[in-house]
Amino acid sequence: MAPIPGSGLAKGLAVTLRTMTRKSVTEQYPDAQPELPPRTRGVIGLFEENCTVCMLCARECPDWCIYIDSHKETVPPAAPGGRERSRNVLDRFAIDFSLCMYCGICIEVCPFDALFWSPEFEYAETDIHELTHERDKLREWMWTVPAPPALDAGAEEPKEIAAARKTAEKLAAAQAEPQEGES
């Protein structure tokens, strides 16, 4: 028996009419923000205060999408009779997200923790040239970076924190001794 012409169209319209009056189960992106997993990789944020312009991130980037400009500045001696030192000052830090492949190598090689993954993902532009974000935009994204996960309760204290605590305790004890002798 041959199907009646137009029966497929009628079945499709019947499904459409049945489901048209029901409430939608699907949540659409612009209306409902997605629940992102913790430590989501979105874009790269810059903590400018930690950047020493060592250029490691730009040199290690496989896409060459990080642009850094700097100049040298002379710093006066810390103590009288000391010598002047020079330091690099960051003039420009930009990442071209149209070239970036989000591998995270720049974040891993940064010895001063100046780069972090931000969960921000809404940075679409209408022009590809606007995907090169300067340090001001990268600094804004830094404040969306979540705090690192807490240490396990049974974990050992990091060596750096333990050493800093011992040094602080020694300084506090040294300062308390002269005060006790004065009384």
Protein backbone atom coordinates (compact mmCIF):
# COMPACT_ATOMS: atom_id res chain seq x y z
CA MET A 1 0.00 0.00 0.00
CA ALA A 2 1.43 3.36 -1.02
CA PRO A 3 1.47 6.21 1.51
CA ILE A 4 -1.02 8.98 1.01
CA PRO A 5 0.64 12.04 -0.52
CA GLY A 6 1.28 14.72 2.13
CA SER A 7 0.91 12.34 5.11
CA GLY A 8 4.49 13.07 6.24
CA LEU A 9 3.75 16.78 6.22
CA ALA A 10 0.55 16.22 8.21
CA LYS A 11 2.43 14.16 10.86
CA GLY A 12 5.05 16.91 11.20
CA LEU A 13 2.42 19.60 11.60
CA ALA A 14 0.59 17.50 14.19
CA VAL A 15 3.78 17.25 16.30
CA THR A 16 4.33 20.99 15.94
CA LEU A 17 0.79 21.82 17.04
CA ARG A 18 0.98 19.44 20.03
CA THR A 19 4.25 20.86 21.34
CA MET A 20 3.62 24.50 20.49
CA THR A 21 1.45 25.10 23.57
CA ARG A 22 3.74 23.32 26.07
CA LYS A 23 6.31 25.15 28.13
CA SER A 24 9.82 24.83 26.72
CA VAL A 25 12.19 22.56 28.63
CA THR A 26 15.32 23.76 26.89
CA GLU A 27 17.00 26.79 28.46
CA GLN A 28 18.46 29.04 25.83
CA TYR A 29 21.86 30.65 26.37
CA PRO A 30 21.20 34.37 26.25
CA ASP A 31 18.22 34.12 28.58
CA ALA A 32 19.78 31.64 31.03
CA GLN A 33 23.48 31.72 31.85
CA PRO A 34 25.13 28.28 31.83
CA GLU A 35 26.40 26.73 35.05
CA LEU A 36 30.16 26.57 34.43
CA PRO A 37 32.37 23.96 36.08
CA PRO A 38 34.92 25.29 38.56
CA ARG A 39 38.26 26.43 37.06
CA THR A 40 36.73 26.82 33.58
CA ARG A 41 39.12 27.98 30.87
CA GLY A 42 37.69 31.10 29.30
CA VAL A 43 40.16 33.86 28.48
CA ILE A 44 43.50 34.85 29.95
CA GLY A 45 43.59 37.51 32.66
CA LEU A 46 46.64 39.63 33.50
CA PHE A 47 47.70 40.50 37.04
CA GLU A 48 49.84 43.43 35.95
CA GLU A 49 51.53 44.02 39.32
CA ASN A 50 53.26 40.63 39.08
CA CYS A 51 54.51 41.08 35.50
CA THR A 52 58.27 41.74 35.34
CA VAL A 53 58.37 41.85 31.52
CA CYS A 54 60.53 38.73 31.38
CA MET A 55 58.94 37.90 27.99
CA LEU A 56 58.76 34.16 28.74
CA CYS A 57 55.06 34.00 27.88
CA ALA A 58 55.59 35.67 24.49
CA ARG A 59 58.61 33.50 23.65
CA GLU A 60 56.91 30.24 24.58
CA CYS A 61 53.60 30.99 22.84
CA PRO A 62 53.30 28.62 19.85
CA ASP A 63 50.95 31.05 18.07
CA TRP A 64 52.97 34.23 18.71
CA CYS A 65 49.79 35.98 19.79
CA ILE A 66 51.20 37.83 22.83
CA TYR A 67 52.58 41.33 22.24
CA ILE A 68 54.69 43.00 24.94
CA ASP A 69 56.39 46.40 24.84
CA SER A 70 58.46 47.83 27.68
CA HIS A 71 61.15 50.34 28.54
CA LYS A 72 63.93 50.43 31.11
CA GLU A 73 63.73 52.74 34.09
CA THR A 74 66.52 53.57 36.54
CA VAL A 75 65.78 52.90 40.19
CA PRO A 76 67.71 54.92 42.80
CA PRO A 77 69.88 52.98 45.24
CA ALA A 78 68.09 51.44 48.21
CA ALA A 79 70.87 52.41 50.63
CA PRO A 80 73.28 55.35 50.58
CA GLY A 81 76.42 54.48 48.65
CA GLY A 82 74.59 51.78 46.70
CA ARG A 83 74.37 51.67 42.96
CA GLU A 84 71.44 52.47 40.74
CA ARG A 85 69.58 49.59 39.19
CA SER A 86 67.42 49.38 36.12
CA ARG A 87 64.08 47.64 35.84
CA ASN A 88 61.69 46.92 33.01
CA VAL A 89 58.41 48.82 32.96
CA LEU A 90 55.45 47.37 31.10
CA ASP A 91 54.13 49.67 28.36
CA ARG A 92 51.91 47.27 26.41
CA PHE A 93 50.63 43.77 27.03
CA ALA A 94 48.16 42.46 24.47
CA ILE A 95 46.83 39.06 23.44
CA ASP A 96 45.31 38.43 20.02
CA PHE A 97 42.49 36.00 20.77
CA SER A 98 41.84 35.47 17.07
CA LEU A 99 45.20 33.64 16.98
CA CYS A 100 45.26 32.14 20.48
CA MET A 101 44.56 28.41 20.68
CA TYR A 102 44.02 28.50 24.47
CA CYS A 103 46.78 25.98 25.21
CA GLY A 104 47.75 27.67 28.50
CA ILE A 105 51.51 27.46 27.93
CA CYS A 106 51.89 31.17 28.70
CA ILE A 107 50.18 30.67 32.07
CA GLU A 108 52.32 27.65 32.92
CA VAL A 109 55.67 29.28 32.08
CA CYS A 110 55.02 32.59 33.88
CA PRO A 111 57.39 32.45 36.88
CA PHE A 112 55.66 35.33 38.67
CA ASP A 113 52.00 34.25 38.37
CA ALA A 114 50.98 37.24 36.27
CA LEU A 115 48.66 35.26 33.96
CA PHE A 116 45.56 33.30 34.97
CA TRP A 117 42.59 31.55 33.36
CA SER A 118 39.42 33.57 33.70
CA PRO A 119 36.02 31.87 33.29
CA GLU A 120 34.84 34.81 31.16
CA PHE A 121 33.69 33.56 27.76
CA GLU A 122 31.52 36.37 26.43
CA TYR A 123 34.00 38.42 24.44
CA ALA A 124 32.77 38.07 20.86
CA GLU A 125 33.44 40.95 18.49
CA THR A 126 32.00 41.86 15.11
CA ASP A 127 35.43 42.68 13.68
CA ILE A 128 38.36 40.25 13.96
CA HIS A 129 40.76 43.14 14.61
CA GLU A 130 38.95 43.91 17.85
CA LEU A 131 39.92 40.49 19.28
CA THR A 132 43.35 41.86 20.20
CA HIS A 133 42.76 42.83 23.81
CA GLU A 134 45.10 45.23 25.57
CA ARG A 135 46.18 45.08 29.21
CA ASP A 136 43.22 47.14 30.46
CA LYS A 137 40.76 44.50 29.27
CA LEU A 138 43.02 41.67 30.48
CA ARG A 139 43.19 43.35 33.91
CA GLU A 140 39.37 43.51 34.05
CA TRP A 141 39.18 39.78 33.44
CA MET A 142 41.65 39.13 36.26
CA TRP A 143 38.96 40.00 38.81
CA THR A 144 36.72 37.20 37.49
CA VAL A 145 39.37 34.56 38.29
CA PRO A 146 38.09 32.30 41.09
CA ALA A 147 40.18 31.68 44.18
CA PRO A 148 42.32 28.54 44.06
CA PRO A 149 40.75 25.42 45.57
CA ALA A 150 41.33 24.92 49.28
CA LEU A 151 43.99 22.51 50.44
CA ASP A 152 42.91 19.11 51.66
CA ALA A 153 42.42 19.00 55.43
CA GLY A 154 45.06 16.29 55.81
CA ALA A 155 47.54 17.91 53.41
CA GLU A 156 50.95 19.10 54.49
CA GLU A 157 51.41 22.86 54.78
CA PRO A 158 53.34 24.33 51.81
CA LYS A 159 57.05 24.76 52.57
CA GLU A 160 56.99 28.45 51.67
CA ILE A 161 54.22 29.19 54.17
CA ALA A 162 55.91 27.12 56.88
CA ALA A 163 59.22 28.96 56.33
CA ALA A 164 57.49 32.36 56.42
CA ARG A 165 55.66 31.41 59.62
CA LYS A 166 58.93 30.33 61.33
CA THR A 167 60.64 33.57 60.29
CA ALA A 168 57.72 35.63 61.62
CA GLU A 169 57.78 33.71 64.92
CA LYS A 170 61.54 34.30 65.29
CA LEU A 171 61.10 38.02 64.62
CA ALA A 172 58.25 38.23 67.12
CA ALA A 173 60.34 36.39 69.75
CA ALA A 174 63.37 38.65 69.08
CA GLN A 175 61.23 41.77 69.48
CA ALA A 176 59.62 40.46 72.68
CA GLU A 177 62.97 39.71 74.42
CA PRO A 178 64.31 43.32 74.56
CA GLN A 179 60.94 44.56 75.84
CA GLU A 180 60.99 42.02 78.68
CA GLY A 181 64.53 43.10 79.71
CA GLU A 182 63.55 46.79 79.84
CA SER A 183 60.85 46.27 82.49
